[in-house]
Amino acid sequence: MKKRILICDDDEEILLICAHILEKQGYEIHTSQHCNDILEIVKEISPDLILMDNRIPDSGGIIASQTLKKHEEFRHIPIVYFSANSDIKELATTAGADAFLPKPFELSQLEKVISSLLKK
């Protein structure tokens, strides 16, 4: 059974590139350009991992990530916080993310972070 990854980013180009690369790696990819109703989105998709952008409509990545980590049913899902902000590490910590990835990133970095979190 394929591992499911949810990518939340408002940049359509990033969604397309990440989805293409990760699908080639054998993952089932779902995308969202907003994080409105993040609990409903995650409940419907049931992802094994989430890639969360910082600046995403409407509530933003921090609030969406915190909402998931506070929810009993979803707190176990690893979240990789990714952003072009220079303070990405602090943002990821505030969000409660399990890992972070500064944009722009190498595809090998993306693959390594995802692989390590899904093996846990």
N, C-alpha and C. Protein backbone atom coordinates (compact mmCIF):
# COMPACT_ATOMS: atom_id res chain seq x y z
N MET A 1 0.83 -1.19 0.00
CA MET A 1 0.00 0.00 0.00
C MET A 1 0.88 1.25 0.00
N LYS A 2 0.57 2.16 -0.91
CA LYS A 2 1.35 3.39 -1.03
C LYS A 2 1.16 4.30 0.18
N LYS A 3 2.24 4.96 0.58
CA LYS A 3 2.16 5.97 1.63
C LYS A 3 1.55 7.24 1.03
N ARG A 4 0.65 7.86 1.78
CA ARG A 4 -0.02 9.08 1.31
C ARG A 4 0.64 10.31 1.88
N ILE A 5 0.89 11.29 1.01
CA ILE A 5 1.47 12.56 1.43
C ILE A 5 0.52 13.68 1.01
N LEU A 6 0.23 14.57 1.96
CA LEU A 6 -0.56 15.77 1.68
C LEU A 6 0.40 16.94 1.61
N ILE A 7 0.35 17.69 0.50
CA ILE A 7 1.18 18.88 0.35
C ILE A 7 0.26 20.10 0.39
N CYS A 8 0.49 20.98 1.37
CA CYS A 8 -0.28 22.21 1.51
C CYS A 8 0.61 23.39 1.16
N ASP A 9 0.36 23.99 0.02
CA ASP A 9 1.14 25.14 -0.44
C ASP A 9 0.29 25.91 -1.43
N ASP A 10 0.33 27.24 -1.36
CA ASP A 10 -0.48 28.04 -2.28
C ASP A 10 0.22 28.28 -3.62
N ASP A 11 1.47 27.84 -3.73
CA ASP A 11 2.22 27.99 -4.98
C ASP A 11 1.99 26.75 -5.85
N GLU A 12 1.21 26.93 -6.92
CA GLU A 12 0.85 25.81 -7.77
C GLU A 12 2.06 25.13 -8.39
N GLU A 13 3.09 25.90 -8.69
CA GLU A 13 4.30 25.34 -9.30
C GLU A 13 5.00 24.38 -8.32
N ILE A 14 5.08 24.77 -7.07
CA ILE A 14 5.70 23.90 -6.06
C ILE A 14 4.88 22.64 -5.90
N LEU A 15 3.56 22.78 -5.87
CA LEU A 15 2.69 21.60 -5.76
C LEU A 15 2.93 20.63 -6.91
N LEU A 16 2.99 21.16 -8.12
CA LEU A 16 3.18 20.31 -9.30
C LEU A 16 4.54 19.60 -9.29
N ILE A 17 5.59 20.35 -8.97
CA ILE A 17 6.94 19.77 -8.96
C ILE A 17 7.06 18.70 -7.88
N CYS A 18 6.65 19.05 -6.65
CA CYS A 18 6.75 18.09 -5.55
C CYS A 18 5.89 16.86 -5.82
N ALA A 19 4.68 17.07 -6.31
CA ALA A 19 3.79 15.94 -6.59
C ALA A 19 4.41 15.03 -7.64
N HIS A 20 4.94 15.62 -8.69
CA HIS A 20 5.54 14.83 -9.77
C HIS A 20 6.71 13.98 -9.24
N ILE A 21 7.60 14.62 -8.51
CA ILE A 21 8.78 13.92 -7.99
C ILE A 21 8.38 12.82 -7.03
N LEU A 22 7.46 13.13 -6.12
CA LEU A 22 7.10 12.15 -5.09
C LEU A 22 6.25 11.01 -5.65
N GLU A 23 5.44 11.29 -6.65
CA GLU A 23 4.68 10.21 -7.31
C GLU A 23 5.63 9.24 -8.00
N LYS A 24 6.71 9.77 -8.60
CA LYS A 24 7.70 8.91 -9.24
C LYS A 24 8.40 8.02 -8.21
N GLN A 25 8.42 8.47 -6.96
CA GLN A 25 9.04 7.70 -5.88
C GLN A 25 8.08 6.68 -5.29
N GLY A 26 6.84 6.67 -5.79
CA GLY A 26 5.88 5.66 -5.35
C GLY A 26 4.89 6.12 -4.30
N TYR A 27 4.86 7.41 -3.99
CA TYR A 27 3.92 7.93 -3.01
C TYR A 27 2.60 8.33 -3.67
N GLU A 28 1.53 8.26 -2.91
CA GLU A 28 0.23 8.77 -3.36
C GLU A 28 0.15 10.21 -2.86
N ILE A 29 0.00 11.15 -3.79
CA ILE A 29 0.06 12.57 -3.44
C ILE A 29 -1.31 13.23 -3.52
N HIS A 30 -1.57 14.04 -2.50
CA HIS A 30 -2.76 14.89 -2.46
C HIS A 30 -2.28 16.31 -2.20
N THR A 31 -2.93 17.30 -2.80
CA THR A 31 -2.49 18.67 -2.63
C THR A 31 -3.65 19.57 -2.21
N SER A 32 -3.29 20.67 -1.57
CA SER A 32 -4.26 21.70 -1.20
C SER A 32 -3.57 23.05 -1.25
N GLN A 33 -4.25 24.02 -1.85
CA GLN A 33 -3.69 25.37 -1.94
C GLN A 33 -4.16 26.26 -0.79
N HIS A 34 -4.81 25.68 0.19
CA HIS A 34 -5.24 26.41 1.38
C HIS A 34 -5.26 25.43 2.55
N CYS A 35 -5.41 25.97 3.73
CA CYS A 35 -5.55 25.08 4.88
C CYS A 35 -6.83 25.39 5.65
N ASN A 36 -7.82 25.90 4.93
CA ASN A 36 -9.16 26.06 5.51
C ASN A 36 -9.65 24.66 5.85
N ASP A 37 -10.30 24.50 6.96
CA ASP A 37 -10.86 23.20 7.34
C ASP A 37 -9.81 22.10 7.30
N ILE A 38 -8.63 22.38 7.85
CA ILE A 38 -7.52 21.42 7.78
C ILE A 38 -7.89 20.08 8.41
N LEU A 39 -8.70 20.10 9.46
CA LEU A 39 -9.09 18.83 10.08
C LEU A 39 -9.91 17.97 9.13
N GLU A 40 -10.80 18.59 8.38
CA GLU A 40 -11.63 17.85 7.43
C GLU A 40 -10.78 17.32 6.27
N ILE A 41 -9.85 18.15 5.80
CA ILE A 41 -8.97 17.74 4.70
C ILE A 41 -8.18 16.49 5.11
N VAL A 42 -7.58 16.55 6.29
CA VAL A 42 -6.75 15.45 6.77
C VAL A 42 -7.61 14.21 7.06
N LYS A 43 -8.79 14.41 7.59
CA LYS A 43 -9.67 13.27 7.86
C LYS A 43 -10.04 12.56 6.56
N GLU A 44 -10.31 13.33 5.51
CA GLU A 44 -10.70 12.76 4.22
C GLU A 44 -9.54 12.01 3.55
N ILE A 45 -8.34 12.58 3.61
CA ILE A 45 -7.18 12.02 2.91
C ILE A 45 -6.46 10.95 3.73
N SER A 46 -6.42 11.14 5.04
CA SER A 46 -5.72 10.23 5.93
C SER A 46 -4.24 10.08 5.52
N PRO A 47 -3.49 11.20 5.47
CA PRO A 47 -2.10 11.13 5.02
C PRO A 47 -1.17 10.49 6.05
N ASP A 48 -0.08 9.95 5.55
CA ASP A 48 0.97 9.41 6.41
C ASP A 48 1.98 10.49 6.77
N LEU A 49 1.97 11.59 5.99
CA LEU A 49 2.90 12.70 6.21
C LEU A 49 2.30 13.94 5.55
N ILE A 50 2.61 15.12 6.12
CA ILE A 50 2.12 16.39 5.57
C ILE A 50 3.29 17.32 5.34
N LEU A 51 3.34 17.92 4.15
CA LEU A 51 4.27 19.01 3.86
C LEU A 51 3.46 20.29 3.98
N MET A 52 3.85 21.19 4.89
CA MET A 52 3.07 22.38 5.18
C MET A 52 3.87 23.65 4.92
N ASP A 53 3.34 24.49 4.04
CA ASP A 53 3.94 25.79 3.77
C ASP A 53 3.61 26.75 4.92
N ASN A 54 4.44 27.76 5.10
CA ASN A 54 4.19 28.75 6.14
C ASN A 54 3.09 29.72 5.74
N ARG A 55 3.24 30.33 4.59
CA ARG A 55 2.27 31.34 4.14
C ARG A 55 1.27 30.70 3.20
N ILE A 56 0.20 30.22 3.79
CA ILE A 56 -0.84 29.55 3.01
C ILE A 56 -2.20 30.04 3.51
N PRO A 57 -3.11 30.36 2.59
CA PRO A 57 -4.42 30.87 3.00
C PRO A 57 -5.19 29.79 3.76
N ASP A 58 -6.02 30.09 4.64
CA ASP A 58 -6.28 31.37 5.24
C ASP A 58 -5.64 31.47 6.62
N SER A 59 -5.66 30.40 7.35
CA SER A 59 -5.14 30.46 8.72
C SER A 59 -3.61 30.44 8.79
N GLY A 60 -2.96 30.01 7.74
CA GLY A 60 -1.50 29.94 7.74
C GLY A 60 -1.01 28.60 8.25
N GLY A 61 0.23 28.29 7.90
CA GLY A 61 0.81 27.00 8.24
C GLY A 61 0.99 26.74 9.73
N ILE A 62 1.32 27.80 10.48
CA ILE A 62 1.53 27.62 11.91
C ILE A 62 0.24 27.18 12.59
N ILE A 63 -0.83 27.91 12.36
CA ILE A 63 -2.11 27.58 13.01
C ILE A 63 -2.62 26.22 12.53
N ALA A 64 -2.50 25.95 11.23
CA ALA A 64 -2.95 24.65 10.71
C ALA A 64 -2.17 23.50 11.35
N SER A 65 -0.86 23.66 11.46
CA SER A 65 -0.02 22.62 12.06
C SER A 65 -0.34 22.44 13.54
N GLN A 66 -0.48 23.55 14.26
CA GLN A 66 -0.82 23.48 15.68
C GLN A 66 -2.18 22.81 15.89
N THR A 67 -3.13 23.13 15.02
CA THR A 67 -4.46 22.52 15.10
C THR A 67 -4.36 21.01 14.97
N LEU A 68 -3.56 20.54 14.01
CA LEU A 68 -3.40 19.10 13.81
C LEU A 68 -2.69 18.44 14.98
N LYS A 69 -1.66 19.09 15.50
CA LYS A 69 -0.89 18.50 16.60
C LYS A 69 -1.67 18.48 17.91
N LYS A 70 -2.67 19.33 18.04
CA LYS A 70 -3.52 19.33 19.24
C LYS A 70 -4.65 18.31 19.15
N HIS A 71 -4.89 17.80 17.96
CA HIS A 71 -6.01 16.90 17.74
C HIS A 71 -5.57 15.45 17.97
N GLU A 72 -6.26 14.78 18.86
CA GLU A 72 -5.89 13.41 19.26
C GLU A 72 -5.73 12.47 18.06
N GLU A 73 -6.63 12.56 17.11
CA GLU A 73 -6.63 11.64 15.97
C GLU A 73 -5.49 11.90 14.98
N PHE A 74 -4.96 13.12 14.94
CA PHE A 74 -3.99 13.49 13.91
C PHE A 74 -2.60 13.87 14.42
N ARG A 75 -2.41 13.96 15.72
CA ARG A 75 -1.13 14.44 16.25
C ARG A 75 0.05 13.56 15.89
N HIS A 76 -0.20 12.30 15.57
CA HIS A 76 0.88 11.36 15.22
C HIS A 76 1.41 11.56 13.79
N ILE A 77 0.67 12.30 12.96
CA ILE A 77 1.08 12.48 11.56
C ILE A 77 2.27 13.44 11.50
N PRO A 78 3.40 13.01 10.95
CA PRO A 78 4.55 13.91 10.85
C PRO A 78 4.26 15.07 9.90
N ILE A 79 4.70 16.26 10.33
CA ILE A 79 4.56 17.47 9.51
C ILE A 79 5.95 17.99 9.20
N VAL A 80 6.21 18.20 7.91
CA VAL A 80 7.45 18.84 7.46
C VAL A 80 7.06 20.27 7.08
N TYR A 81 7.60 21.21 7.81
CA TYR A 81 7.31 22.62 7.57
C TYR A 81 8.30 23.13 6.54
N PHE A 82 7.79 23.74 5.47
CA PHE A 82 8.73 24.27 4.49
C PHE A 82 8.35 25.68 4.10
N SER A 83 9.41 26.53 3.99
CA SER A 83 9.20 27.94 3.78
C SER A 83 10.50 28.59 3.30
N ALA A 84 10.34 29.76 2.65
CA ALA A 84 11.50 30.54 2.22
C ALA A 84 11.92 31.53 3.31
N ASN A 85 11.20 31.59 4.41
CA ASN A 85 11.55 32.50 5.51
C ASN A 85 12.90 32.13 6.09
N SER A 86 13.66 33.15 6.45
CA SER A 86 14.99 32.90 7.01
C SER A 86 14.91 32.29 8.41
N ASP A 87 13.80 32.47 9.10
CA ASP A 87 13.64 31.92 10.45
C ASP A 87 12.81 30.64 10.45
N ILE A 88 13.00 29.82 9.42
CA ILE A 88 12.22 28.60 9.23
C ILE A 88 12.28 27.67 10.45
N LYS A 89 13.44 27.57 11.08
CA LYS A 89 13.58 26.67 12.23
C LYS A 89 12.66 27.12 13.37
N GLU A 90 12.63 28.40 13.65
CA GLU A 90 11.78 28.94 14.71
C GLU A 90 10.30 28.77 14.35
N LEU A 91 9.96 29.03 13.10
CA LEU A 91 8.57 28.87 12.66
C LEU A 91 8.12 27.41 12.80
N ALA A 92 8.97 26.50 12.41
CA ALA A 92 8.65 25.07 12.50
C ALA A 92 8.47 24.65 13.95
N THR A 93 9.30 25.16 14.84
CA THR A 93 9.18 24.85 16.26
C THR A 93 7.86 25.39 16.81
N THR A 94 7.54 26.64 16.48
CA THR A 94 6.28 27.24 16.91
C THR A 94 5.09 26.44 16.39
N ALA A 95 5.18 25.98 15.16
CA ALA A 95 4.10 25.22 14.53
C ALA A 95 3.94 23.82 15.14
N GLY A 96 5.01 23.32 15.77
CA GLY A 96 4.97 21.97 16.31
C GLY A 96 5.32 20.92 15.26
N ALA A 97 5.97 21.37 14.19
CA ALA A 97 6.34 20.46 13.10
C ALA A 97 7.42 19.48 13.55
N ASP A 98 7.48 18.35 12.86
CA ASP A 98 8.45 17.31 13.18
C ASP A 98 9.79 17.54 12.48
N ALA A 99 9.76 18.33 11.40
CA ALA A 99 10.99 18.63 10.64
C ALA A 99 10.72 19.90 9.85
N PHE A 100 11.78 20.47 9.29
CA PHE A 100 11.61 21.65 8.44
C PHE A 100 12.53 21.55 7.25
N LEU A 101 12.18 22.29 6.22
CA LEU A 101 12.94 22.29 4.99
C LEU A 101 12.91 23.71 4.41
N PRO A 102 14.06 24.39 4.37
CA PRO A 102 14.06 25.74 3.81
C PRO A 102 13.93 25.72 2.29
N LYS A 103 13.10 26.63 1.76
CA LYS A 103 12.97 26.79 0.31
C LYS A 103 14.01 27.80 -0.14
N PRO A 104 14.61 27.65 -1.27
CA PRO A 104 14.51 26.49 -2.16
C PRO A 104 15.29 25.32 -1.58
N PHE A 105 14.88 24.13 -1.92
CA PHE A 105 15.55 22.94 -1.41
C PHE A 105 15.91 22.02 -2.56
N GLU A 106 16.89 21.18 -2.30
CA GLU A 106 17.27 20.17 -3.27
C GLU A 106 16.27 19.01 -3.15
N LEU A 107 15.96 18.38 -4.25
CA LEU A 107 15.02 17.26 -4.21
C LEU A 107 15.53 16.13 -3.33
N SER A 108 16.85 15.98 -3.29
CA SER A 108 17.42 14.93 -2.43
C SER A 108 17.15 15.23 -0.96
N GLN A 109 17.12 16.52 -0.58
CA GLN A 109 16.80 16.89 0.80
C GLN A 109 15.35 16.53 1.12
N LEU A 110 14.46 16.83 0.19
CA LEU A 110 13.04 16.52 0.36
C LEU A 110 12.86 15.02 0.55
N GLU A 111 13.47 14.24 -0.31
CA GLU A 111 13.36 12.79 -0.26
C GLU A 111 13.91 12.24 1.06
N LYS A 112 15.04 12.79 1.52
CA LYS A 112 15.68 12.32 2.75
C LYS A 112 14.80 12.60 3.97
N VAL A 113 14.23 13.80 4.05
CA VAL A 113 13.38 14.16 5.19
C VAL A 113 12.14 13.28 5.22
N ILE A 114 11.50 13.12 4.08
CA ILE A 114 10.28 12.30 4.00
C ILE A 114 10.58 10.86 4.38
N SER A 115 11.63 10.31 3.80
CA SER A 115 12.00 8.92 4.07
C SER A 115 12.29 8.70 5.54
N SER A 116 13.02 9.60 6.18
CA SER A 116 13.37 9.42 7.58
C SER A 116 12.13 9.50 8.48
N LEU A 117 11.19 10.39 8.18
CA LEU A 117 9.99 10.51 9.01
C LEU A 117 9.03 9.34 8.81
N LEU A 118 8.96 8.81 7.61
CA LEU A 118 8.04 7.71 7.36
C LEU A 118 8.57 6.38 7.91
N LYS A 119 9.86 6.31 8.18
CA LYS A 119 10.44 5.08 8.75
C LYS A 119 10.24 5.00 10.26
N LYS A 120 9.93 6.12 10.89
CA LYS A 120 9.76 6.14 12.36
C LYS A 120 8.53 5.39 12.78
